[in-house]
Amino acid sequence: MGPFQIILFAVWALSTLLLIALVLMHSGKGTGVSDMIASSLYNSSAATGVMEQNLDKLTVIVAVVFAVCVVLAMFFFPQGIVGL
């Protein structure tokens, strides 16, 4: 496994964890984990809109990085990771 493949795998793994965390931080419509976390992060209603927009942008960026890593992994790991 070359250095580019190791970097690709590391970026993919980090973007996976970050994407999960960002999705859970979005304010939910009902009661659940996302609503519980978001309610503790967003106390003032004035800042909620700006923070939610920034969170949306960051989530989209991380999702695009994740998708690019998956597509690149299809080309650099065509048979999967054997012997890792």
PDB file of N, CA and C in Angstrom:
ATOM      1  N   MET A   1       0.846  -1.164   0.000  1.00  0.00           N
ATOM      2  CA  MET A   1       0.000   0.000   0.000  1.00  0.00           C
ATOM      3  C   MET A   1       0.900   1.238   0.000  1.00  0.00           C
ATOM      4  N   GLY A   2       0.667   2.133  -0.947  1.00  0.00           N
ATOM      5  CA  GLY A   2       1.496   3.318  -1.096  1.00  0.00           C
ATOM      6  C   GLY A   2       1.081   4.437  -0.154  1.00  0.00           C
ATOM      7  N   PRO A   3       1.888   5.502  -0.124  1.00  0.00           N
ATOM      8  CA  PRO A   3       1.579   6.608   0.785  1.00  0.00           C
ATOM      9  C   PRO A   3       0.289   7.352   0.418  1.00  0.00           C
ATOM     10  N   PHE A   4      -0.012   7.464  -0.878  1.00  0.00           N
ATOM     11  CA  PHE A   4      -1.252   8.129  -1.277  1.00  0.00           C
ATOM     12  C   PHE A   4      -2.463   7.338  -0.795  1.00  0.00           C
ATOM     13  N   GLN A   5      -2.372   6.032  -0.867  1.00  0.00           N
ATOM     14  CA  GLN A   5      -3.486   5.193  -0.423  1.00  0.00           C
ATOM     15  C   GLN A   5      -3.681   5.285   1.094  1.00  0.00           C
ATOM     16  N   ILE A   6      -2.578   5.392   1.825  1.00  0.00           N
ATOM     17  CA  ILE A   6      -2.676   5.537   3.284  1.00  0.00           C
ATOM     18  C   ILE A   6      -3.312   6.880   3.642  1.00  0.00           C
ATOM     19  N   ILE A   7      -2.895   7.946   2.948  1.00  0.00           N
ATOM     20  CA  ILE A   7      -3.472   9.269   3.188  1.00  0.00           C
ATOM     21  C   ILE A   7      -4.959   9.270   2.828  1.00  0.00           C
ATOM     22  N   LEU A   8      -5.293   8.641   1.705  1.00  0.00           N
ATOM     23  CA  LEU A   8      -6.692   8.560   1.278  1.00  0.00           C
ATOM     24  C   LEU A   8      -7.531   7.836   2.321  1.00  0.00           C
ATOM     25  N   PHE A   9      -7.020   6.739   2.836  1.00  0.00           N
ATOM     26  CA  PHE A   9      -7.743   5.976   3.846  1.00  0.00           C
ATOM     27  C   PHE A   9      -7.911   6.788   5.128  1.00  0.00           C
ATOM     28  N   ALA A  10      -6.869   7.532   5.525  1.00  0.00           N
ATOM     29  CA  ALA A  10      -6.943   8.343   6.742  1.00  0.00           C
ATOM     30  C   ALA A  10      -7.955   9.480   6.585  1.00  0.00           C
ATOM     31  N   VAL A  11      -7.947  10.151   5.432  1.00  0.00           N
ATOM     32  CA  VAL A  11      -8.906  11.236   5.193  1.00  0.00           C
ATOM     33  C   VAL A  11     -10.325  10.686   5.151  1.00  0.00           C
ATOM     34  N   TRP A  12     -10.488   9.512   4.548  1.00  0.00           N
ATOM     35  CA  TRP A  12     -11.809   8.881   4.499  1.00  0.00           C
ATOM     36  C   TRP A  12     -12.316   8.563   5.905  1.00  0.00           C
ATOM     37  N   ALA A  13     -11.449   7.993   6.742  1.00  0.00           N
ATOM     38  CA  ALA A  13     -11.845   7.625   8.100  1.00  0.00           C
ATOM     39  C   ALA A  13     -12.193   8.870   8.930  1.00  0.00           C
ATOM     40  N   LEU A  14     -11.387   9.914   8.814  1.00  0.00           N
ATOM     41  CA  LEU A  14     -11.668  11.148   9.563  1.00  0.00           C
ATOM     42  C   LEU A  14     -12.948  11.827   9.078  1.00  0.00           C
ATOM     43  N   SER A  15     -13.156  11.828   7.763  1.00  0.00           N
ATOM     44  CA  SER A  15     -14.374  12.455   7.246  1.00  0.00           C
ATOM     45  C   SER A  15     -15.615  11.651   7.648  1.00  0.00           C
ATOM     46  N   THR A  16     -15.467  10.350   7.793  1.00  0.00           N
ATOM     47  CA  THR A  16     -16.588   9.521   8.251  1.00  0.00           C
ATOM     48  C   THR A  16     -17.006   9.912   9.664  1.00  0.00           C
ATOM     49  N   LEU A  17     -16.032   9.986  10.558  1.00  0.00           N
ATOM     50  CA  LEU A  17     -16.341  10.334  11.945  1.00  0.00           C
ATOM     51  C   LEU A  17     -16.869  11.757  12.067  1.00  0.00           C
ATOM     52  N   LEU A  18     -16.272  12.682  11.314  1.00  0.00           N
ATOM     53  CA  LEU A  18     -16.714  14.067  11.360  1.00  0.00           C
ATOM     54  C   LEU A  18     -18.119  14.228  10.786  1.00  0.00           C
ATOM     55  N   LEU A  19     -18.420  13.482   9.728  1.00  0.00           N
ATOM     56  CA  LEU A  19     -19.753  13.555   9.131  1.00  0.00           C
ATOM     57  C   LEU A  19     -20.817  13.034  10.093  1.00  0.00           C
ATOM     58  N   ILE A  20     -20.513  11.966  10.802  1.00  0.00           N
ATOM     59  CA  ILE A  20     -21.455  11.442  11.798  1.00  0.00           C
ATOM     60  C   ILE A  20     -21.694  12.476  12.891  1.00  0.00           C
ATOM     61  N   ALA A  21     -20.622  13.095  13.382  1.00  0.00           N
ATOM     62  CA  ALA A  21     -20.759  14.092  14.444  1.00  0.00           C
ATOM     63  C   ALA A  21     -21.551  15.306  13.962  1.00  0.00           C
ATOM     64  N   LEU A  22     -21.283  15.760  12.737  1.00  0.00           N
ATOM     65  CA  LEU A  22     -21.987  16.934  12.218  1.00  0.00           C
ATOM     66  C   LEU A  22     -23.468  16.660  12.007  1.00  0.00           C
ATOM     67  N   VAL A  23     -23.804  15.481  11.531  1.00  0.00           N
ATOM     68  CA  VAL A  23     -25.218  15.148  11.326  1.00  0.00           C
ATOM     69  C   VAL A  23     -25.943  15.083  12.670  1.00  0.00           C
ATOM     70  N   LEU A  24     -25.281  14.569  13.687  1.00  0.00           N
ATOM     71  CA  LEU A  24     -25.910  14.506  15.005  1.00  0.00           C
ATOM     72  C   LEU A  24     -26.067  15.881  15.642  1.00  0.00           C
ATOM     73  N   MET A  25     -25.252  16.857  15.226  1.00  0.00           N
ATOM     74  CA  MET A  25     -25.348  18.200  15.797  1.00  0.00           C
ATOM     75  C   MET A  25     -26.476  19.029  15.205  1.00  0.00           C
ATOM     76  N   HIS A  26     -27.038  18.606  14.075  1.00  0.00           N
ATOM     77  CA  HIS A  26     -28.147  19.355  13.489  1.00  0.00           C
ATOM     78  C   HIS A  26     -29.361  19.288  14.409  1.00  0.00           C
ATOM     79  N   SER A  27     -30.091  20.383  14.451  1.00  0.00           N
ATOM     80  CA  SER A  27     -31.280  20.398  15.306  1.00  0.00           C
ATOM     81  C   SER A  27     -32.361  19.541  14.660  1.00  0.00           C
ATOM     82  N   GLY A  28     -32.941  18.684  15.446  1.00  0.00           N
ATOM     83  CA  GLY A  28     -33.944  17.763  14.938  1.00  0.00           C
ATOM     84  C   GLY A  28     -35.336  18.334  15.042  1.00  0.00           C
ATOM     85  N   LYS A  29     -36.282  17.643  14.449  1.00  0.00           N
ATOM     86  CA  LYS A  29     -37.681  18.068  14.488  1.00  0.00           C
ATOM     87  C   LYS A  29     -38.387  17.566  15.744  1.00  0.00           C
ATOM     88  N   GLY A  30     -37.869  16.518  16.336  1.00  0.00           N
ATOM     89  CA  GLY A  30     -38.525  15.955  17.507  1.00  0.00           C
ATOM     90  C   GLY A  30     -37.538  15.754  18.632  1.00  0.00           C
ATOM     91  N   THR A  31     -37.808  14.764  19.455  1.00  0.00           N
ATOM     92  CA  THR A  31     -36.914  14.471  20.558  1.00  0.00           C
ATOM     93  C   THR A  31     -36.008  13.324  20.140  1.00  0.00           C
ATOM     94  N   GLY A  32     -34.765  13.481  20.382  1.00  0.00           N
ATOM     95  CA  GLY A  32     -33.795  12.463  20.039  1.00  0.00           C
ATOM     96  C   GLY A  32     -32.401  12.964  20.359  1.00  0.00           C
ATOM     97  N   VAL A  33     -31.421  12.221  19.911  1.00  0.00           N
ATOM     98  CA  VAL A  33     -30.038  12.570  20.198  1.00  0.00           C
ATOM     99  C   VAL A  33     -29.689  13.917  19.578  1.00  0.00           C
ATOM    100  N   SER A  34     -30.071  14.140  18.327  1.00  0.00           N
ATOM    101  CA  SER A  34     -29.720  15.392  17.667  1.00  0.00           C
ATOM    102  C   SER A  34     -30.398  16.579  18.339  1.00  0.00           C
ATOM    103  N   ASP A  35     -31.633  16.417  18.764  1.00  0.00           N
ATOM    104  CA  ASP A  35     -32.327  17.507  19.437  1.00  0.00           C
ATOM    105  C   ASP A  35     -31.716  17.780  20.807  1.00  0.00           C
ATOM    106  N   MET A  36     -31.298  16.743  21.493  1.00  0.00           N
ATOM    107  CA  MET A  36     -30.700  16.906  22.804  1.00  0.00           C
ATOM    108  C   MET A  36     -29.363  17.643  22.707  1.00  0.00           C
ATOM    109  N   ILE A  37     -28.537  17.267  21.724  1.00  0.00           N
ATOM    110  CA  ILE A  37     -27.242  17.920  21.550  1.00  0.00           C
ATOM    111  C   ILE A  37     -27.437  19.344  21.051  1.00  0.00           C
ATOM    112  N   ALA A  38     -28.307  19.521  20.077  1.00  0.00           N
ATOM    113  CA  ALA A  38     -28.509  20.839  19.482  1.00  0.00           C
ATOM    114  C   ALA A  38     -29.117  21.818  20.478  1.00  0.00           C
ATOM    115  N   SER A  39     -29.990  21.352  21.348  1.00  0.00           N
ATOM    116  CA  SER A  39     -30.606  22.272  22.301  1.00  0.00           C
ATOM    117  C   SER A  39     -29.588  22.790  23.301  1.00  0.00           C
ATOM    118  N   SER A  40     -28.571  21.994  23.615  1.00  0.00           N
ATOM    119  CA  SER A  40     -27.552  22.481  24.532  1.00  0.00           C
ATOM    120  C   SER A  40     -26.566  23.409  23.828  1.00  0.00           C
ATOM    121  N   LEU A  41     -26.413  23.279  22.509  1.00  0.00           N
ATOM    122  CA  LEU A  41     -25.487  24.139  21.775  1.00  0.00           C
ATOM    123  C   LEU A  41     -26.113  25.474  21.402  1.00  0.00           C
ATOM    124  N   TYR A  42     -27.397  25.482  21.104  1.00  0.00           N
ATOM    125  CA  TYR A  42     -28.061  26.685  20.622  1.00  0.00           C
ATOM    126  C   TYR A  42     -29.001  27.218  21.699  1.00  0.00           C
ATOM    127  N   ASN A  43     -28.534  28.188  22.444  1.00  0.00           N
ATOM    128  CA  ASN A  43     -29.379  28.738  23.503  1.00  0.00           C
ATOM    129  C   ASN A  43     -30.152  29.964  23.043  1.00  0.00           C
ATOM    130  N   SER A  44     -29.538  30.839  22.252  1.00  0.00           N
ATOM    131  CA  SER A  44     -30.239  32.039  21.809  1.00  0.00           C
ATOM    132  C   SER A  44     -30.828  31.804  20.429  1.00  0.00           C
ATOM    133  N   SER A  45     -32.023  32.303  20.227  1.00  0.00           N
ATOM    134  CA  SER A  45     -32.692  32.072  18.948  1.00  0.00           C
ATOM    135  C   SER A  45     -32.104  32.941  17.845  1.00  0.00           C
ATOM    136  N   ALA A  46     -31.464  34.064  18.174  1.00  0.00           N
ATOM    137  CA  ALA A  46     -30.887  34.944  17.155  1.00  0.00           C
ATOM    138  C   ALA A  46     -29.670  34.297  16.502  1.00  0.00           C
ATOM    139  N   ALA A  47     -28.861  33.639  17.274  1.00  0.00           N
ATOM    140  CA  ALA A  47     -27.640  33.036  16.737  1.00  0.00           C
ATOM    141  C   ALA A  47     -27.907  31.674  16.116  1.00  0.00           C
ATOM    142  N   THR A  48     -29.054  31.099  16.381  1.00  0.00           N
ATOM    143  CA  THR A  48     -29.350  29.764  15.885  1.00  0.00           C
ATOM    144  C   THR A  48     -29.347  29.711  14.369  1.00  0.00           C
ATOM    145  N   GLY A  49     -29.919  30.684  13.715  1.00  0.00           N
ATOM    146  CA  GLY A  49     -29.985  30.680  12.256  1.00  0.00           C
ATOM    147  C   GLY A  49     -28.607  30.721  11.622  1.00  0.00           C
ATOM    148  N   VAL A  50     -27.744  31.575  12.130  1.00  0.00           N
ATOM    149  CA  VAL A  50     -26.390  31.698  11.582  1.00  0.00           C
ATOM    150  C   VAL A  50     -25.591  30.431  11.873  1.00  0.00           C
ATOM    151  N   MET A  51     -25.711  29.922  13.092  1.00  0.00           N
ATOM    152  CA  MET A  51     -24.965  28.711  13.444  1.00  0.00           C
ATOM    153  C   MET A  51     -25.455  27.514  12.637  1.00  0.00           C
ATOM    154  N   GLU A  52     -26.754  27.442  12.419  1.00  0.00           N
ATOM    155  CA  GLU A  52     -27.315  26.329  11.645  1.00  0.00           C
ATOM    156  C   GLU A  52     -26.877  26.402  10.180  1.00  0.00           C
ATOM    157  N   GLN A  53     -26.811  27.614   9.634  1.00  0.00           N
ATOM    158  CA  GLN A  53     -26.343  27.770   8.252  1.00  0.00           C
ATOM    159  C   GLN A  53     -24.881  27.375   8.127  1.00  0.00           C
ATOM    160  N   ASN A  54     -24.061  27.782   9.088  1.00  0.00           N
ATOM    161  CA  ASN A  54     -22.649  27.394   9.055  1.00  0.00           C
ATOM    162  C   ASN A  54     -22.488  25.889   9.221  1.00  0.00           C
ATOM    163  N   LEU A  55     -23.301  25.304  10.067  1.00  0.00           N
ATOM    164  CA  LEU A  55     -23.264  23.854  10.261  1.00  0.00           C
ATOM    165  C   LEU A  55     -23.703  23.130   8.992  1.00  0.00           C
ATOM    166  N   ASP A  56     -24.687  23.678   8.293  1.00  0.00           N
ATOM    167  CA  ASP A  56     -25.124  23.096   7.018  1.00  0.00           C
ATOM    168  C   ASP A  56     -23.995  23.121   5.990  1.00  0.00           C
ATOM    169  N   LYS A  57     -23.322  24.258   5.877  1.00  0.00           N
ATOM    170  CA  LYS A  57     -22.222  24.392   4.919  1.00  0.00           C
ATOM    171  C   LYS A  57     -21.092  23.425   5.242  1.00  0.00           C
ATOM    172  N   LEU A  58     -20.734  23.342   6.518  1.00  0.00           N
ATOM    173  CA  LEU A  58     -19.655  22.446   6.925  1.00  0.00           C
ATOM    174  C   LEU A  58     -20.034  20.986   6.674  1.00  0.00           C
ATOM    175  N   THR A  59     -21.289  20.639   6.915  1.00  0.00           N
ATOM    176  CA  THR A  59     -21.752  19.275   6.672  1.00  0.00           C
ATOM    177  C   THR A  59     -21.673  18.922   5.192  1.00  0.00           C
ATOM    178  N   VAL A  60     -22.063  19.849   4.328  1.00  0.00           N
ATOM    179  CA  VAL A  60     -21.998  19.600   2.885  1.00  0.00           C
ATOM    180  C   VAL A  60     -20.544  19.439   2.432  1.00  0.00           C
ATOM    181  N   ILE A  61     -19.654  20.269   2.948  1.00  0.00           N
ATOM    182  CA  ILE A  61     -18.233  20.168   2.571  1.00  0.00           C
ATOM    183  C   ILE A  61     -17.660  18.820   2.987  1.00  0.00           C
ATOM    184  N   VAL A  62     -17.937  18.405   4.214  1.00  0.00           N
ATOM    185  CA  VAL A  62     -17.415  17.120   4.692  1.00  0.00           C
ATOM    186  C   VAL A  62     -18.048  15.964   3.923  1.00  0.00           C
ATOM    187  N   ALA A  63     -19.326  16.083   3.556  1.00  0.00           N
ATOM    188  CA  ALA A  63     -19.975  15.031   2.771  1.00  0.00           C
ATOM    189  C   ALA A  63     -19.352  14.916   1.385  1.00  0.00           C
ATOM    190  N   VAL A  64     -18.984  16.045   0.778  1.00  0.00           N
ATOM    191  CA  VAL A  64     -18.324  16.010  -0.529  1.00  0.00           C
ATOM    192  C   VAL A  64     -16.936  15.374  -0.410  1.00  0.00           C
ATOM    193  N   VAL A  65     -16.194  15.720   0.638  1.00  0.00           N
ATOM    194  CA  VAL A  65     -14.874  15.101   0.859  1.00  0.00           C
ATOM    195  C   VAL A  65     -15.032  13.598   1.032  1.00  0.00           C
ATOM    196  N   PHE A  66     -16.031  13.171   1.796  1.00  0.00           N
ATOM    197  CA  PHE A  66     -16.287  11.752   2.001  1.00  0.00           C
ATOM    198  C   PHE A  66     -16.604  11.057   0.672  1.00  0.00           C
ATOM    199  N   ALA A  67     -17.460  11.680  -0.141  1.00  0.00           N
ATOM    200  CA  ALA A  67     -17.844  11.081  -1.424  1.00  0.00           C
ATOM    201  C   ALA A  67     -16.662  10.993  -2.374  1.00  0.00           C
ATOM    202  N   VAL A  68     -15.824  12.016  -2.407  1.00  0.00           N
ATOM    203  CA  VAL A  68     -14.632  11.990  -3.270  1.00  0.00           C
ATOM    204  C   VAL A  68     -13.684  10.883  -2.821  1.00  0.00           C
ATOM    205  N   CYS A  69     -13.525  10.720  -1.519  1.00  0.00           N
ATOM    206  CA  CYS A  69     -12.662   9.649  -1.005  1.00  0.00           C
ATOM    207  C   CYS A  69     -13.201   8.269  -1.388  1.00  0.00           C
ATOM    208  N   VAL A  70     -14.509   8.105  -1.345  1.00  0.00           N
ATOM    209  CA  VAL A  70     -15.100   6.820  -1.716  1.00  0.00           C
ATOM    210  C   VAL A  70     -14.877   6.533  -3.197  1.00  0.00           C
ATOM    211  N   VAL A  71     -15.064   7.543  -4.038  1.00  0.00           N
ATOM    212  CA  VAL A  71     -14.858   7.356  -5.479  1.00  0.00           C
ATOM    213  C   VAL A  71     -13.392   7.071  -5.783  1.00  0.00           C
ATOM    214  N   LEU A  72     -12.479   7.793  -5.141  1.00  0.00           N
ATOM    215  CA  LEU A  72     -11.055   7.536  -5.349  1.00  0.00           C
ATOM    216  C   LEU A  72     -10.654   6.147  -4.840  1.00  0.00           C
ATOM    217  N   ALA A  73     -11.265   5.708  -3.756  1.00  0.00           N
ATOM    218  CA  ALA A  73     -10.966   4.379  -3.224  1.00  0.00           C
ATOM    219  C   ALA A  73     -11.382   3.280  -4.191  1.00  0.00           C
ATOM    220  N   MET A  74     -12.429   3.532  -4.994  1.00  0.00           N
ATOM    221  CA  MET A  74     -12.846   2.540  -5.995  1.00  0.00           C
ATOM    222  C   MET A  74     -11.731   2.314  -7.020  1.00  0.00           C
ATOM    223  N   PHE A  75     -10.964   3.352  -7.314  1.00  0.00           N
ATOM    224  CA  PHE A  75      -9.905   3.221  -8.305  1.00  0.00           C
ATOM    225  C   PHE A  75      -8.603   2.704  -7.699  1.00  0.00           C
ATOM    226  N   PHE A  76      -8.283   3.097  -6.471  1.00  0.00           N
ATOM    227  CA  PHE A  76      -7.018   2.701  -5.863  1.00  0.00           C
ATOM    228  C   PHE A  76      -7.106   1.385  -5.092  1.00  0.00           C
ATOM    229  N   PHE A  77      -8.299   0.941  -4.736  1.00  0.00           N
ATOM    230  CA  PHE A  77      -8.497  -0.336  -4.058  1.00  0.00           C
ATOM    231  C   PHE A  77      -9.534  -1.145  -4.836  1.00  0.00           C
ATOM    232  N   PRO A  78      -9.257  -1.546  -6.081  1.00  0.00           N
ATOM    233  CA  PRO A  78     -10.291  -2.225  -6.872  1.00  0.00           C
ATOM    234  C   PRO A  78     -10.689  -3.592  -6.305  1.00  0.00           C
ATOM    235  N   GLN A  79      -9.782  -4.276  -5.623  1.00  0.00           N
ATOM    236  CA  GLN A  79     -10.082  -5.587  -5.057  1.00  0.00           C
ATOM    237  C   GLN A  79     -10.336  -5.542  -3.563  1.00  0.00           C
ATOM    238  N   GLY A  80     -10.395  -4.349  -2.993  1.00  0.00           N
ATOM    239  CA  GLY A  80     -10.541  -4.206  -1.566  1.00  0.00           C
ATOM    240  C   GLY A  80      -9.185  -4.191  -0.912  1.00  0.00           C
ATOM    241  N   ILE A  81      -9.169  -4.103   0.384  1.00  0.00           N
ATOM    242  CA  ILE A  81      -7.918  -4.092   1.138  1.00  0.00           C
ATOM    243  C   ILE A  81      -7.638  -5.504   1.585  1.00  0.00           C
ATOM    244  N   VAL A  82      -6.708  -6.162   0.905  1.00  0.00           N
ATOM    245  CA  VAL A  82      -6.374  -7.549   1.209  1.00  0.00           C
ATOM    246  C   VAL A  82      -5.112  -7.571   2.045  1.00  0.00           C
ATOM    247  N   GLY A  83      -5.144  -8.238   3.159  1.00  0.00           N
ATOM    248  CA  GLY A  83      -3.958  -8.406   3.990  1.00  0.00           C
ATOM    249  C   GLY A  83      -3.658  -7.229   4.862  1.00  0.00           C
ATOM    250  N   LEU A  84      -4.626  -6.377   5.124  1.00  0.00           N
ATOM    251  CA  LEU A  84      -4.382  -5.223   5.986  1.00  0.00           C
ATOM    252  C   LEU A  84      -4.590  -5.586   7.422  1.00  0.00           C
TER     253      LEU A  84
END
